[in-house]
Structures are given as C-alpha cells and as structure tokens.
Amino acid sequence: MSNAIVVTMRLTPSDPNAFQTFLTDILPDTRKARGCRSCTTHTEKDNAGNFLLLQEWDSIEDQQAYMAWRDSTGVLKTFLGHLAKPAEVNIWQLNKA
C-alpha cells in the first residue's frame, strides 16, 4: 500500500524563486529514488512563499531511507535553510474505497 507525504512549507520572504530553482535541481533525483511513485510541488496562488510538496512512496521505509540519504549529502540542511519555520509533515495512507 502506498503512502502519501504532504509537506506544507512557509519560505523566508526573499526566498521563493531561489527555493524553486533549488527544487528544480534536486527533484529529478527524488523522483528516481527507490520507492518514489511521484513528487510534485505547488505554490499557493496568492502567496509564492507558501509551498506544498506532495510525494507518494511505496513505503514509509523507502521515504525514510531517501531522507537519510538527503541528510548525508547536505541537501536536507540546504532545504531546511530556505524555510521561515519548520515544515508541517503529514503521512497519509491510501484507502481501499
């Protein structure tokens, strides 16, 4: 059963364009990661500083292994440096209905 990871982020005021460029650089590797089914980003229509990251993974373990890899490469630290406050992360499971 797949799991959806929903990450809601508020960026530092001067950062939306730099963050979008950063994501454009790193997300191709995310999409190729073991267990990643999809990864999309969304910007709030009236506030470019609000981002939503939607990911679907085969398992939570695959997503956790991916995050450990990103942490070991320093990318996670750079990612977090763009945020004005900690991201809100929610994990959702697919219903059978």
N, C-alpha and C. Protein backbone atom coordinates (compact mmCIF):
# COMPACT_ATOMS: atom_id res chain seq x y z
N MET A 1 0.84 -1.18 0.00
CA MET A 1 0.00 0.00 0.00
C MET A 1 0.89 1.23 0.00
N SER A 2 0.57 2.18 -0.85
CA SER A 2 1.40 3.38 -0.94
C SER A 2 1.04 4.39 0.15
N ASN A 3 1.97 5.27 0.39
CA ASN A 3 1.80 6.33 1.38
C ASN A 3 2.06 7.67 0.73
N ALA A 4 1.23 8.64 1.05
CA ALA A 4 1.41 10.00 0.56
C ALA A 4 2.02 10.83 1.67
N ILE A 5 3.03 11.59 1.30
CA ILE A 5 3.68 12.51 2.23
C ILE A 5 3.30 13.92 1.77
N VAL A 6 2.69 14.68 2.67
CA VAL A 6 2.29 16.05 2.36
C VAL A 6 3.12 16.97 3.25
N VAL A 7 3.91 17.82 2.61
CA VAL A 7 4.78 18.75 3.35
C VAL A 7 4.34 20.17 3.02
N THR A 8 3.91 20.90 4.04
CA THR A 8 3.49 22.29 3.89
C THR A 8 4.60 23.18 4.43
N MET A 9 5.05 24.14 3.59
CA MET A 9 6.21 24.97 3.96
C MET A 9 5.92 26.45 3.79
N ARG A 10 6.46 27.24 4.69
CA ARG A 10 6.47 28.69 4.54
C ARG A 10 7.92 29.10 4.39
N LEU A 11 8.21 29.76 3.27
CA LEU A 11 9.58 30.14 2.97
C LEU A 11 9.94 31.48 3.58
N THR A 12 11.25 31.73 3.71
CA THR A 12 11.68 33.05 4.14
C THR A 12 11.23 34.05 3.08
N PRO A 13 10.91 35.27 3.43
CA PRO A 13 10.32 36.24 2.50
C PRO A 13 11.07 36.45 1.19
N SER A 14 12.39 36.39 1.20
CA SER A 14 13.14 36.68 -0.02
C SER A 14 13.46 35.43 -0.85
N ASP A 15 12.94 34.29 -0.44
CA ASP A 15 13.40 33.02 -0.98
C ASP A 15 12.58 32.30 -2.05
N PRO A 16 11.36 32.63 -2.38
CA PRO A 16 10.57 31.75 -3.26
C PRO A 16 11.25 31.37 -4.57
N ASN A 17 11.84 32.30 -5.27
CA ASN A 17 12.48 31.97 -6.54
C ASN A 17 13.71 31.10 -6.36
N ALA A 18 14.52 31.41 -5.36
CA ALA A 18 15.71 30.59 -5.09
C ALA A 18 15.31 29.18 -4.69
N PHE A 19 14.24 29.05 -3.92
CA PHE A 19 13.78 27.73 -3.49
C PHE A 19 13.27 26.93 -4.68
N GLN A 20 12.53 27.58 -5.56
CA GLN A 20 12.02 26.89 -6.75
C GLN A 20 13.17 26.39 -7.62
N THR A 21 14.21 27.19 -7.77
CA THR A 21 15.39 26.78 -8.53
C THR A 21 16.07 25.59 -7.86
N PHE A 22 16.19 25.65 -6.54
CA PHE A 22 16.78 24.56 -5.77
C PHE A 22 15.99 23.28 -5.99
N LEU A 23 14.65 23.35 -5.91
CA LEU A 23 13.82 22.16 -6.12
C LEU A 23 13.97 21.62 -7.54
N THR A 24 14.05 22.50 -8.51
CA THR A 24 14.23 22.08 -9.90
C THR A 24 15.52 21.28 -10.05
N ASP A 25 16.53 21.64 -9.28
CA ASP A 25 17.81 20.93 -9.33
C ASP A 25 17.77 19.57 -8.63
N ILE A 26 17.06 19.47 -7.51
CA ILE A 26 17.14 18.24 -6.71
C ILE A 26 16.01 17.23 -6.97
N LEU A 27 14.86 17.69 -7.42
CA LEU A 27 13.73 16.77 -7.53
C LEU A 27 13.87 15.67 -8.58
N PRO A 28 14.63 15.85 -9.66
CA PRO A 28 14.81 14.70 -10.55
C PRO A 28 15.41 13.48 -9.83
N ASP A 29 16.35 13.71 -8.91
CA ASP A 29 16.91 12.59 -8.14
C ASP A 29 15.88 12.01 -7.19
N THR A 30 15.03 12.86 -6.63
CA THR A 30 13.97 12.38 -5.74
C THR A 30 13.06 11.44 -6.50
N ARG A 31 12.66 11.85 -7.69
CA ARG A 31 11.72 11.05 -8.49
C ARG A 31 12.31 9.71 -8.93
N LYS A 32 13.64 9.61 -8.94
CA LYS A 32 14.31 8.36 -9.31
C LYS A 32 14.62 7.49 -8.08
N ALA A 33 14.38 8.01 -6.90
CA ALA A 33 14.71 7.27 -5.68
C ALA A 33 13.86 6.00 -5.56
N ARG A 34 14.45 4.99 -4.97
CA ARG A 34 13.74 3.72 -4.77
C ARG A 34 12.44 3.97 -4.02
N GLY A 35 11.34 3.52 -4.59
CA GLY A 35 10.04 3.61 -3.93
C GLY A 35 9.27 4.89 -4.17
N CYS A 36 9.87 5.88 -4.81
CA CYS A 36 9.16 7.13 -5.08
C CYS A 36 8.25 6.95 -6.29
N ARG A 37 6.96 7.08 -6.07
CA ARG A 37 5.99 6.96 -7.16
C ARG A 37 5.74 8.30 -7.84
N SER A 38 5.75 9.37 -7.04
CA SER A 38 5.55 10.71 -7.60
C SER A 38 6.03 11.76 -6.61
N CYS A 39 6.33 12.93 -7.17
CA CYS A 39 6.77 14.05 -6.36
C CYS A 39 6.43 15.32 -7.12
N THR A 40 5.53 16.13 -6.57
CA THR A 40 5.13 17.38 -7.21
C THR A 40 5.20 18.52 -6.21
N THR A 41 5.38 19.73 -6.74
CA THR A 41 5.37 20.91 -5.88
C THR A 41 4.25 21.84 -6.33
N HIS A 42 3.74 22.58 -5.37
CA HIS A 42 2.65 23.51 -5.63
C HIS A 42 2.91 24.79 -4.84
N THR A 43 2.58 25.92 -5.44
CA THR A 43 2.72 27.22 -4.80
C THR A 43 1.33 27.79 -4.58
N GLU A 44 1.11 28.37 -3.42
CA GLU A 44 -0.18 29.00 -3.15
C GLU A 44 -0.40 30.12 -4.17
N LYS A 45 -1.59 30.18 -4.72
CA LYS A 45 -1.90 31.11 -5.80
C LYS A 45 -1.57 32.56 -5.46
N ASP A 46 -1.91 33.00 -4.28
CA ASP A 46 -1.74 34.40 -3.91
C ASP A 46 -0.56 34.67 -2.98
N ASN A 47 0.26 33.63 -2.73
CA ASN A 47 1.40 33.80 -1.82
C ASN A 47 2.50 32.83 -2.23
N ALA A 48 3.45 33.31 -3.02
CA ALA A 48 4.53 32.45 -3.52
C ALA A 48 5.44 31.93 -2.42
N GLY A 49 5.29 32.45 -1.21
CA GLY A 49 6.10 31.98 -0.09
C GLY A 49 5.54 30.74 0.57
N ASN A 50 4.36 30.31 0.16
CA ASN A 50 3.76 29.09 0.71
C ASN A 50 3.87 27.98 -0.33
N PHE A 51 4.54 26.90 0.05
CA PHE A 51 4.79 25.77 -0.84
C PHE A 51 4.15 24.51 -0.28
N LEU A 52 3.75 23.66 -1.18
CA LEU A 52 3.25 22.34 -0.83
C LEU A 52 4.04 21.32 -1.63
N LEU A 53 4.57 20.34 -0.97
CA LEU A 53 5.31 19.25 -1.60
C LEU A 53 4.49 17.98 -1.40
N LEU A 54 4.09 17.35 -2.50
CA LEU A 54 3.30 16.12 -2.44
C LEU A 54 4.15 14.98 -2.98
N GLN A 55 4.32 13.95 -2.17
CA GLN A 55 5.09 12.79 -2.59
C GLN A 55 4.28 11.53 -2.32
N GLU A 56 4.44 10.55 -3.20
CA GLU A 56 3.84 9.24 -2.97
C GLU A 56 4.97 8.21 -3.00
N TRP A 57 5.02 7.39 -1.97
CA TRP A 57 6.08 6.40 -1.80
C TRP A 57 5.47 5.01 -1.64
N ASP A 58 6.21 4.00 -2.08
CA ASP A 58 5.78 2.61 -1.90
C ASP A 58 5.66 2.27 -0.42
N SER A 59 6.59 2.81 0.37
CA SER A 59 6.56 2.53 1.81
C SER A 59 7.20 3.69 2.57
N ILE A 60 6.88 3.78 3.83
CA ILE A 60 7.50 4.78 4.70
C ILE A 60 8.99 4.51 4.80
N GLU A 61 9.38 3.24 4.80
CA GLU A 61 10.79 2.89 4.90
C GLU A 61 11.58 3.43 3.69
N ASP A 62 10.98 3.36 2.50
CA ASP A 62 11.64 3.92 1.32
C ASP A 62 11.84 5.43 1.48
N GLN A 63 10.81 6.11 1.98
CA GLN A 63 10.91 7.56 2.16
C GLN A 63 11.93 7.90 3.24
N GLN A 64 11.98 7.12 4.30
CA GLN A 64 12.95 7.37 5.37
C GLN A 64 14.38 7.14 4.89
N ALA A 65 14.59 6.11 4.06
CA ALA A 65 15.92 5.86 3.50
C ALA A 65 16.33 7.02 2.59
N TYR A 66 15.39 7.51 1.82
CA TYR A 66 15.65 8.66 0.96
C TYR A 66 16.05 9.88 1.81
N MET A 67 15.30 10.16 2.88
CA MET A 67 15.61 11.31 3.73
C MET A 67 16.98 11.16 4.39
N ALA A 68 17.34 9.95 4.79
CA ALA A 68 18.66 9.73 5.38
C ALA A 68 19.76 10.01 4.35
N TRP A 69 19.53 9.61 3.10
CA TRP A 69 20.48 9.90 2.03
C TRP A 69 20.61 11.41 1.82
N ARG A 70 19.47 12.11 1.75
CA ARG A 70 19.50 13.57 1.57
C ARG A 70 20.22 14.25 2.73
N ASP A 71 20.03 13.74 3.94
CA ASP A 71 20.71 14.30 5.10
C ASP A 71 22.22 14.10 4.97
N SER A 72 22.63 12.90 4.54
CA SER A 72 24.06 12.59 4.45
C SER A 72 24.77 13.42 3.37
N THR A 73 24.04 13.89 2.37
CA THR A 73 24.65 14.68 1.29
C THR A 73 24.64 16.18 1.58
N GLY A 74 23.96 16.60 2.64
CA GLY A 74 23.87 18.02 2.98
C GLY A 74 22.70 18.74 2.32
N VAL A 75 21.99 18.06 1.44
CA VAL A 75 20.86 18.69 0.74
C VAL A 75 19.73 19.02 1.71
N LEU A 76 19.50 18.16 2.68
CA LEU A 76 18.43 18.41 3.65
C LEU A 76 18.69 19.70 4.42
N LYS A 77 19.93 19.93 4.81
CA LYS A 77 20.28 21.15 5.54
C LYS A 77 20.00 22.39 4.68
N THR A 78 20.37 22.33 3.41
CA THR A 78 20.10 23.44 2.49
C THR A 78 18.60 23.65 2.34
N PHE A 79 17.86 22.56 2.17
CA PHE A 79 16.40 22.61 2.06
C PHE A 79 15.80 23.32 3.26
N LEU A 80 16.18 22.89 4.45
CA LEU A 80 15.63 23.47 5.68
C LEU A 80 16.02 24.94 5.84
N GLY A 81 17.17 25.33 5.29
CA GLY A 81 17.62 26.71 5.38
C GLY A 81 16.73 27.70 4.63
N HIS A 82 15.92 27.21 3.71
CA HIS A 82 15.00 28.07 2.96
C HIS A 82 13.70 28.35 3.72
N LEU A 83 13.46 27.62 4.80
CA LEU A 83 12.17 27.71 5.49
C LEU A 83 12.16 28.77 6.58
N ALA A 84 11.05 29.51 6.66
CA ALA A 84 10.89 30.52 7.70
C ALA A 84 10.52 29.88 9.04
N LYS A 85 9.93 28.69 8.97
CA LYS A 85 9.56 27.94 10.17
C LYS A 85 9.57 26.46 9.80
N PRO A 86 9.57 25.58 10.79
CA PRO A 86 9.60 24.15 10.47
C PRO A 86 8.41 23.75 9.58
N ALA A 87 8.68 22.85 8.67
CA ALA A 87 7.63 22.36 7.77
C ALA A 87 6.65 21.49 8.54
N GLU A 88 5.43 21.48 8.08
CA GLU A 88 4.41 20.58 8.62
C GLU A 88 4.38 19.36 7.71
N VAL A 89 4.62 18.18 8.28
CA VAL A 89 4.69 16.94 7.51
C VAL A 89 3.57 16.01 7.96
N ASN A 90 2.77 15.57 7.00
CA ASN A 90 1.69 14.63 7.30
C ASN A 90 1.83 13.42 6.38
N ILE A 91 1.60 12.24 6.94
CA ILE A 91 1.66 11.00 6.18
C ILE A 91 0.25 10.45 6.05
N TRP A 92 -0.13 10.15 4.82
CA TRP A 92 -1.47 9.67 4.51
C TRP A 92 -1.39 8.28 3.89
N GLN A 93 -2.32 7.41 4.24
CA GLN A 93 -2.40 6.09 3.63
C GLN A 93 -3.56 6.05 2.65
N LEU A 94 -3.37 5.31 1.57
CA LEU A 94 -4.39 5.15 0.56
C LEU A 94 -5.53 4.29 1.10
N ASN A 95 -6.76 4.77 0.95
CA ASN A 95 -7.93 3.98 1.33
C ASN A 95 -8.29 3.03 0.21
N LYS A 96 -8.92 1.95 0.56
CA LYS A 96 -9.35 0.96 -0.45
C LYS A 96 -10.68 1.34 -1.09
N ALA A 97 -11.37 2.31 -0.55
CA ALA A 97 -12.69 2.69 -1.07
C ALA A 97 -12.60 3.35 -2.42
